[in-house]
C-alpha cells in the first residue's frame, strides 16, 4: 500500500478534481460458477464522497457491495479472506 503515499497527480487538485477508491480484485481460481456479479466486493474510498462514487459504479455490475471506511480496509479485508480460505 506504499503507492497510496506516492500518488500525486501533477495537474489535478484533490479533493475535487477526481475520486480515488479501491475495490480489491477478488478471484477464486478453478471455480467456474463464480462471476464478477456474484462475487461480493469490498469498496473503500479516500473520502466518503470517493467511496460513494465507487459504490455507485460497482452496484451497476455487482450483486453485493461491502462498504468499508478506507482503501486500506478494503485491501485488508481481501487479505484476511484469502489467508483464511486456505
C-alpha atoms as a PDB file:
ATOM      1  CA  UNK A   1       0.000   0.000   0.000  1.00  0.00           C
ATOM      2  CA  UNK A   2       3.003   2.334  -0.120  1.00  0.00           C
ATOM      3  CA  UNK A   3       1.776   3.549  -3.510  1.00  0.00           C
ATOM      4  CA  UNK A   4      -1.009   5.495  -1.781  1.00  0.00           C
ATOM      5  CA  UNK A   5       1.549   7.836  -0.236  1.00  0.00           C
ATOM      6  CA  UNK A   6       3.279   8.433  -3.558  1.00  0.00           C
ATOM      7  CA  UNK A   7       0.106   9.168  -5.506  1.00  0.00           C
ATOM      8  CA  UNK A   8       0.339  12.796  -6.535  1.00  0.00           C
ATOM      9  CA  UNK A   9      -1.204  13.906  -9.832  1.00  0.00           C
ATOM     10  CA  UNK A  10       0.644  16.856 -11.287  1.00  0.00           C
ATOM     11  CA  UNK A  11      -2.252  18.888 -12.686  1.00  0.00           C
ATOM     12  CA  UNK A  12      -5.208  17.826 -10.588  1.00  0.00           C
ATOM     13  CA  UNK A  13      -6.182  19.053  -7.175  1.00  0.00           C
ATOM     14  CA  UNK A  14      -7.563  16.740  -4.575  1.00  0.00           C
ATOM     15  CA  UNK A  15     -10.144  16.607  -3.215  1.00  0.00           C
ATOM     16  CA  UNK A  16     -12.230  17.940  -6.036  1.00  0.00           C
ATOM     17  CA  UNK A  17     -10.870  17.038  -9.459  1.00  0.00           C
ATOM     18  CA  UNK A  18     -11.053  13.262  -9.059  1.00  0.00           C
ATOM     19  CA  UNK A  19     -12.228  10.497  -6.734  1.00  0.00           C
ATOM     20  CA  UNK A  20      -9.952   7.733  -5.548  1.00  0.00           C
ATOM     21  CA  UNK A  21     -11.266   4.425  -4.221  1.00  0.00           C
ATOM     22  CA  UNK A  22     -10.096   0.837  -4.105  1.00  0.00           C
ATOM     23  CA  UNK A  23     -12.108  -2.322  -4.717  1.00  0.00           C
ATOM     24  CA  UNK A  24      -9.523  -5.134  -4.436  1.00  0.00           C
ATOM     25  CA  UNK A  25      -9.589  -7.854  -7.043  1.00  0.00           C
ATOM     26  CA  UNK A  26     -11.257 -10.999  -5.787  1.00  0.00           C
ATOM     27  CA  UNK A  27     -10.917 -14.246  -7.678  1.00  0.00           C
ATOM     28  CA  UNK A  28     -11.345 -17.881  -6.819  1.00  0.00           C
ATOM     29  CA  UNK A  29      -9.095 -19.840  -9.188  1.00  0.00           C
ATOM     30  CA  UNK A  30     -10.606 -23.002 -10.554  1.00  0.00           C
ATOM     31  CA  UNK A  31     -14.241 -22.107  -9.878  1.00  0.00           C
ATOM     32  CA  UNK A  32     -16.377 -21.550 -12.944  1.00  0.00           C
ATOM     33  CA  UNK A  33     -19.632 -20.832 -11.095  1.00  0.00           C
ATOM     34  CA  UNK A  34     -18.364 -17.555  -9.632  1.00  0.00           C
ATOM     35  CA  UNK A  35     -18.582 -14.435 -11.796  1.00  0.00           C
ATOM     36  CA  UNK A  36     -17.954 -10.752 -11.200  1.00  0.00           C
ATOM     37  CA  UNK A  37     -21.644 -10.014 -10.497  1.00  0.00           C
ATOM     38  CA  UNK A  38     -21.920 -12.848  -7.954  1.00  0.00           C
ATOM     39  CA  UNK A  39     -18.671 -12.104  -6.118  1.00  0.00           C
ATOM     40  CA  UNK A  40     -19.144  -9.657  -3.210  1.00  0.00           C
ATOM     41  CA  UNK A  41     -16.855  -6.609  -3.498  1.00  0.00           C
ATOM     42  CA  UNK A  42     -15.428  -4.535  -0.664  1.00  0.00           C
ATOM     43  CA  UNK A  43     -15.019  -0.882  -1.624  1.00  0.00           C
ATOM     44  CA  UNK A  44     -13.262   1.891   0.288  1.00  0.00           C
ATOM     45  CA  UNK A  45     -12.645   5.487  -0.757  1.00  0.00           C
ATOM     46  CA  UNK A  46     -10.166   8.079   0.443  1.00  0.00           C
ATOM     47  CA  UNK A  47     -13.146  10.241   1.403  1.00  0.00           C
ATOM     48  CA  UNK A  48     -16.812   9.380   1.911  1.00  0.00           C
ATOM     49  CA  UNK A  49     -17.594  11.013  -1.457  1.00  0.00           C
ATOM     50  CA  UNK A  50     -14.959   8.841  -3.173  1.00  0.00           C
ATOM     51  CA  UNK A  51     -16.467   5.747  -1.590  1.00  0.00           C
ATOM     52  CA  UNK A  52     -19.967   6.824  -2.644  1.00  0.00           C
ATOM     53  CA  UNK A  53     -18.901   7.164  -6.290  1.00  0.00           C
ATOM     54  CA  UNK A  54     -17.112   3.799  -6.311  1.00  0.00           C
ATOM     55  CA  UNK A  55     -20.020   2.076  -4.602  1.00  0.00           C
ATOM     56  CA  UNK A  56     -22.466   3.504  -7.160  1.00  0.00           C
ATOM     57  CA  UNK A  57     -20.251   2.308 -10.007  1.00  0.00           C
ATOM     58  CA  UNK A  58     -19.859  -1.232  -8.664  1.00  0.00           C
ATOM     59  CA  UNK A  59     -23.583  -1.526  -7.841  1.00  0.00           C
ATOM     60  CA  UNK A  60     -24.126  -1.412 -11.618  1.00  0.00           C
ATOM     61  CA  UNK A  61     -22.226  -4.690 -12.116  1.00  0.00           C
ATOM     62  CA  UNK A  62     -22.085  -6.494  -8.736  1.00  0.00           C
ATOM     63  CA  UNK A  63     -24.858  -8.028  -6.660  1.00  0.00           C
ATOM     64  CA  UNK A  64     -23.238  -7.389  -3.262  1.00  0.00           C
ATOM     65  CA  UNK A  65     -21.117  -4.410  -2.174  1.00  0.00           C
ATOM     66  CA  UNK A  66     -19.485  -4.260   1.261  1.00  0.00           C
ATOM     67  CA  UNK A  67     -18.638  -0.654   2.026  1.00  0.00           C
ATOM     68  CA  UNK A  68     -15.581  -0.121   4.210  1.00  0.00           C
ATOM     69  CA  UNK A  69     -14.080   3.112   5.516  1.00  0.00           C
ATOM     70  CA  UNK A  70     -10.829   3.292   3.567  1.00  0.00           C
ATOM     71  CA  UNK A  71      -8.971   1.737   0.636  1.00  0.00           C
ATOM     72  CA  UNK A  72      -6.596   0.128   3.107  1.00  0.00           C
ATOM     73  CA  UNK A  73      -9.501  -1.516   4.924  1.00  0.00           C
ATOM     74  CA  UNK A  74     -10.772  -2.909   1.599  1.00  0.00           C
ATOM     75  CA  UNK A  75      -7.392  -4.469   0.863  1.00  0.00           C
ATOM     76  CA  UNK A  76      -7.029  -5.854   4.397  1.00  0.00           C
ATOM     77  CA  UNK A  77     -10.492  -7.474   4.171  1.00  0.00           C
ATOM     78  CA  UNK A  78      -9.416  -9.232   0.971  1.00  0.00           C
ATOM     79  CA  UNK A  79      -6.126 -10.367   2.524  1.00  0.00           C
ATOM     80  CA  UNK A  80      -7.912 -11.719   5.586  1.00  0.00           C
ATOM     81  CA  UNK A  81     -10.366 -13.625   3.403  1.00  0.00           C
ATOM     82  CA  UNK A  82      -7.589 -15.008   1.198  1.00  0.00           C
ATOM     83  CA  UNK A  83      -5.384 -16.115   4.082  1.00  0.00           C
ATOM     84  CA  UNK A  84      -8.227 -17.790   6.000  1.00  0.00           C
ATOM     85  CA  UNK A  85      -9.580 -19.618   2.941  1.00  0.00           C
ATOM     86  CA  UNK A  86      -6.557 -21.902   2.653  1.00  0.00           C
END
